[in-house]
Amino acid sequence: RGLMVEQIISAAQWPCKYGCGFRGTGAEVKEHFEGCPDRAVSCPDCGEFVKPSKFLAHYKERGHILLSIKKSPGLDTWSGLCTEWSIGDHLKYSSIDTPLSLEDADDFVLVRLWFSEDRLSAMVDAYHVSIARVCKFTCGSTPGKRVTFEVTSRPLCHSRDCRFNDEESTPGVIFPLAFANKLADGTDVSCSFQLVDIS
C-alpha cells in the first residue's frame, strides 16, 4: 500500500506556490521554484521582497536610483550609459549594482559588479525581469586602456547579494582587480554598458 501512495504522490501535478501558473510533479515543481519568475527577491536598495515583474514599479514608487536608457533607433541595442566605481570599493562593498530601466521595453535589468571574498577579483553579471539580453560591460575610458566583458543576463530571481568565492561555479565574467585598477583614470574606473536583445 505504501508503494502505491508514493506512486500517486510522485505522479500528481502540483501548482507553483508563487502563483505563476506552473504545474508539475513534486520534483519538477521543486526544481521550478529556484527560477520561478514570480518568486520574490530582495530589492538591492531597501531589502524589501518584491516579485521581479514588479521591480520597475517598486524602484519608481520608492524613489530608488534608477538609470533610464533608450533603445538606439533602428537597433535592438541600448547603450550610452556610463557609471564608475572607485579603487578601494572592493574593501567596503560586496557588490556595486546598476539598476537599469529599459524605457522602450518597459523592462528592468540589474548589472552587478561583485567582489570576491579574498578581495582580489571582481565579476560582472546581469539579471533581467522579462527578456534575456547580452550585456557588454566596458571598463576604462581612455583609448588603449579599455576592456569589454560580455555576459548574458539571467532571471532576476537568481541574483544574490554577497561576495563570491573564486572556486564557485559562476556564470558571470571574473577578472582580477589589479587588472581593472590599471584601467582607472586617477582613483575611478569608468564603466559603460551596452545591452543587446538576443535574436
Protein backbone atom coordinates (compact mmCIF):
# COMPACT_ATOMS: atom_id res chain seq x y z
CA ARG A 1 0.00 0.00 0.00
CA GLY A 2 2.90 2.44 0.78
CA LEU A 3 4.35 1.97 -2.71
CA MET A 4 1.02 2.82 -4.30
CA VAL A 5 0.72 6.04 -2.25
CA GLU A 6 4.29 7.03 -3.25
CA GLN A 7 3.45 6.44 -6.93
CA ILE A 8 0.29 8.54 -6.68
CA ILE A 9 2.14 11.39 -4.95
CA SER A 10 5.07 11.33 -7.39
CA ALA A 11 2.71 11.39 -10.40
CA ALA A 12 0.42 14.10 -9.00
CA GLN A 13 0.51 17.57 -10.53
CA TRP A 14 1.25 20.35 -8.04
CA PRO A 15 0.88 24.11 -8.60
CA CYS A 16 3.74 26.55 -8.08
CA LYS A 17 3.47 28.11 -4.63
CA TYR A 18 4.36 31.52 -6.09
CA GLY A 19 1.25 31.58 -8.27
CA CYS A 20 2.90 31.78 -11.69
CA GLY A 21 0.65 29.09 -13.16
CA PHE A 22 3.32 26.36 -13.48
CA ARG A 23 2.17 22.84 -12.62
CA GLY A 24 4.32 19.74 -12.39
CA THR A 25 5.27 16.68 -10.40
CA GLY A 26 6.79 17.21 -6.98
CA ALA A 27 10.34 17.01 -8.37
CA GLU A 28 9.51 19.34 -11.28
CA VAL A 29 7.91 21.93 -9.00
CA LYS A 30 10.84 21.81 -6.58
CA GLU A 31 13.27 22.47 -9.46
CA HIS A 32 10.98 25.20 -10.83
CA PHE A 33 10.96 27.14 -7.51
CA GLU A 34 14.61 28.21 -7.96
CA GLY A 35 13.93 30.01 -11.22
CA CYS A 36 10.26 30.93 -10.86
CA PRO A 37 9.68 34.39 -12.39
CA ASP A 38 7.15 35.18 -9.65
CA ARG A 39 9.43 34.31 -6.71
CA ALA A 40 10.01 37.50 -4.73
CA VAL A 41 13.62 38.62 -4.41
CA SER A 42 15.25 41.18 -2.14
CA CYS A 43 15.49 44.70 -3.52
CA PRO A 44 19.19 45.71 -3.59
CA ASP A 45 18.31 49.21 -2.34
CA CYS A 46 15.87 48.65 0.53
CA GLY A 47 15.80 44.88 1.16
CA GLU A 48 12.04 44.61 0.61
CA PHE A 49 10.98 41.40 -1.12
CA VAL A 50 9.42 42.19 -4.49
CA LYS A 51 8.24 39.99 -7.37
CA PRO A 52 10.52 40.53 -10.38
CA SER A 53 7.58 41.65 -12.53
CA LYS A 54 7.02 44.50 -10.02
CA PHE A 55 10.68 45.62 -9.72
CA LEU A 56 10.44 48.53 -12.14
CA ALA A 57 7.33 49.91 -10.43
CA HIS A 58 8.91 49.31 -6.99
CA TYR A 59 12.03 51.33 -7.91
CA LYS A 60 9.93 54.20 -9.23
CA GLU A 61 7.48 54.22 -6.29
CA ARG A 62 10.24 54.15 -3.67
CA GLY A 63 12.37 56.75 -5.43
CA HIS A 64 15.37 54.41 -5.68
CA ILE A 65 18.11 55.45 -8.07
CA LEU A 66 17.21 54.00 -11.45
CA LEU A 67 19.11 54.80 -14.63
CA SER A 68 16.90 55.03 -17.70
CA ILE A 69 18.25 54.14 -21.10
CA LYS A 70 16.61 54.17 -24.51
CA LYS A 71 16.99 51.87 -27.46
CA SER A 72 19.20 53.02 -30.32
CA PRO A 73 16.99 53.95 -33.31
CA GLY A 74 16.52 51.00 -35.66
CA LEU A 75 18.57 48.61 -33.49
CA ASP A 76 17.91 46.09 -30.74
CA THR A 77 20.55 47.80 -28.60
CA TRP A 78 20.51 50.04 -25.54
CA SER A 79 23.73 51.98 -24.96
CA GLY A 80 25.35 55.21 -23.88
CA LEU A 81 25.09 54.66 -20.14
CA CYS A 82 28.18 55.37 -18.05
CA THR A 83 28.94 54.92 -14.35
CA GLU A 84 32.08 54.35 -12.27
CA TRP A 85 33.47 52.75 -9.17
CA SER A 86 36.37 53.87 -7.05
CA ILE A 87 39.55 51.94 -6.35
CA GLY A 88 39.02 50.62 -2.82
CA ASP A 89 35.26 49.99 -3.19
CA HIS A 90 36.00 46.26 -3.09
CA LEU A 91 37.04 46.71 0.56
CA LYS A 92 33.78 48.49 1.50
CA TYR A 93 31.12 46.66 -0.53
CA SER A 94 30.28 43.11 -1.57
CA SER A 95 28.90 44.42 -4.87
CA ILE A 96 28.02 47.55 -6.80
CA ASP A 97 24.65 47.48 -8.52
CA THR A 98 23.48 49.46 -11.52
CA PRO A 99 19.69 49.19 -11.92
CA LEU A 100 18.53 49.99 -15.44
CA SER A 101 15.10 50.92 -16.76
CA LEU A 102 14.81 50.00 -20.44
CA GLU A 103 12.27 52.62 -21.42
CA ASP A 104 11.31 51.33 -24.84
CA ALA A 105 10.80 47.80 -23.50
CA ASP A 106 9.23 48.62 -20.09
CA ASP A 107 11.81 46.22 -18.62
CA PHE A 108 14.30 46.16 -15.76
CA VAL A 109 17.91 44.92 -15.85
CA LEU A 110 20.30 44.83 -12.90
CA VAL A 111 24.01 44.90 -13.77
CA ARG A 112 26.05 43.77 -10.77
CA LEU A 113 29.78 44.08 -10.20
CA TRP A 114 30.58 41.58 -7.41
CA PHE A 115 33.76 41.47 -5.39
CA SER A 116 35.35 38.19 -4.27
CA GLU A 117 35.73 37.00 -0.68
CA ASP A 118 39.52 37.34 -0.95
CA ARG A 119 39.05 40.84 -2.42
CA LEU A 120 41.38 40.09 -5.33
CA SER A 121 38.80 39.59 -8.11
CA ALA A 122 35.63 41.12 -9.47
CA MET A 123 32.86 39.58 -11.52
CA VAL A 124 30.34 41.26 -13.77
CA ASP A 125 26.90 39.68 -14.04
CA ALA A 126 23.48 40.83 -15.26
CA TYR A 127 19.90 39.94 -14.35
CA HIS A 128 16.67 40.61 -16.23
CA VAL A 129 12.97 40.65 -15.42
CA SER A 130 11.42 39.82 -18.80
CA ILE A 131 13.89 39.01 -21.56
CA ALA A 132 17.48 37.77 -21.57
CA ARG A 133 19.91 40.18 -23.16
CA VAL A 134 23.63 40.24 -23.82
CA CYS A 135 25.32 42.79 -21.55
CA LYS A 136 28.59 44.29 -22.75
CA PHE A 137 30.37 45.85 -19.78
CA THR A 138 33.32 48.10 -20.70
CA CYS A 139 35.86 49.19 -18.06
CA GLY A 140 38.08 52.18 -18.72
CA SER A 141 37.53 55.34 -20.72
CA THR A 142 40.94 56.03 -22.20
CA PRO A 143 41.54 54.59 -25.69
CA GLY A 144 44.04 51.73 -25.40
CA LYS A 145 43.16 51.33 -21.70
CA ARG A 146 39.74 49.72 -22.11
CA VAL A 147 38.40 46.19 -21.93
CA THR A 148 34.91 44.81 -22.62
CA PHE A 149 33.37 41.82 -20.88
CA GLU A 150 30.24 40.14 -22.24
CA VAL A 151 27.64 38.19 -20.25
CA THR A 152 24.10 37.01 -20.94
CA SER A 153 21.60 38.17 -18.35
CA ARG A 154 19.84 35.63 -16.15
CA PRO A 155 16.45 35.86 -14.43
CA LEU A 156 16.44 38.34 -11.55
CA CYS A 157 15.41 35.62 -9.10
CA HIS A 158 18.95 34.16 -9.49
CA SER A 159 20.61 37.27 -8.07
CA ARG A 160 22.15 37.29 -4.61
CA ASP A 161 23.91 40.00 -2.69
CA CYS A 162 27.12 38.64 -1.20
CA ARG A 163 30.77 38.23 -2.07
CA PHE A 164 31.59 35.37 -4.41
CA ASN A 165 34.17 32.66 -3.93
CA ASP A 166 36.61 32.12 -6.82
CA GLU A 167 36.03 28.37 -6.52
CA GLU A 168 32.27 28.66 -7.12
CA SER A 169 30.77 27.89 -10.47
CA THR A 170 29.70 31.34 -11.62
CA PRO A 171 28.01 32.40 -14.85
CA GLY A 172 29.49 35.90 -14.84
CA VAL A 173 32.88 37.03 -16.12
CA ILE A 174 35.63 37.13 -13.45
CA PHE A 175 38.67 39.39 -13.74
CA PRO A 176 41.49 40.38 -11.35
CA LEU A 177 41.01 43.74 -9.61
CA ALA A 178 44.69 44.58 -10.16
CA PHE A 179 43.94 44.48 -13.90
CA ALA A 180 40.82 46.67 -13.52
CA ASN A 181 42.74 49.19 -11.40
CA LYS A 182 45.17 49.70 -14.30
CA LEU A 183 42.19 50.94 -16.31
CA ALA A 184 41.46 53.69 -13.77
CA ASP A 185 41.57 57.39 -14.50
CA GLY A 186 43.02 58.57 -11.20
CA THR A 187 41.06 56.78 -8.48
CA ASP A 188 37.95 55.92 -10.51
CA VAL A 189 37.26 53.14 -13.00
CA SER A 190 34.75 54.29 -15.62
CA CYS A 191 32.23 51.73 -16.86
CA SER A 192 29.80 51.78 -19.73
CA PHE A 193 27.09 49.32 -20.68
CA GLN A 194 25.51 48.13 -23.85
CA LEU A 195 22.54 45.76 -23.77
CA VAL A 196 21.63 43.78 -26.88
CA ASP A 197 18.47 41.77 -27.49
CA ILE A 198 19.12 38.11 -28.21
CA SER A 199 17.64 37.19 -31.60
